[in-house]
Structure formats: structure tokens, C-alpha cells
Amino acid sequence: MIIASNSLYSTGLSAIQAGLSQADGAARQIASQATDFQDQRLRGADRSNQDMATSMVSLVQAQQQVQAGAKVEKATDEALGRLIDTWA
């Protein structure tokens, strides 16, 4: 069971790390687009909000990925706790 629990912990942590990385990238894109949007607005240029929407969707996906990884971690911890309680 130790090998399986380590594997599950690793899976959960990998999902959390990937989600955080995606969130960081999306946040950087949003910040960059907000600055570009302000510059273009001052110049009177019209810009599509499609890039901003795509970045926001990416940010929400990252949040959900982190939450899913945390649920895997929690479920693994609970299962391991039950196994320890059973053996005790």
C-alpha cells in the first residue's frame, strides 16, 4: 500500500503544481493584456476581448485543476488514515 499511496500523493501534487503553473501563466497574460488594452484605448484603437476571455478561461481551468489535485491528496490521506486505523 505504501507504493500506491506514494503514487497517489505524487499524482495529486503533480496536478497541483501543473495547475499553479498554468495559473501563473494565465495571470501574466491577463496582466500583459490589461496593460496593452489600456495603451490601445488611449490611442483610440479597438481591441477584441477574445484574448482576455481565453486567459480568463485558462485561469479558471487552472483553479479547477488545483482543486482536483487537492481532492486527490485529501482522499489519499483519508484512505491511508483508515488503513492505519484498521491495522491499529
Foldseek 3Di string as FASTA:
>chain_A
DVVVLVVLLVVLVVLLVVLVVQLVVLVVQLVVVVVVVVVCVVVVHDDDCVSVVVSVVSNVVSVVSNVVSVVSNVVSVVVVVVVVVVVD
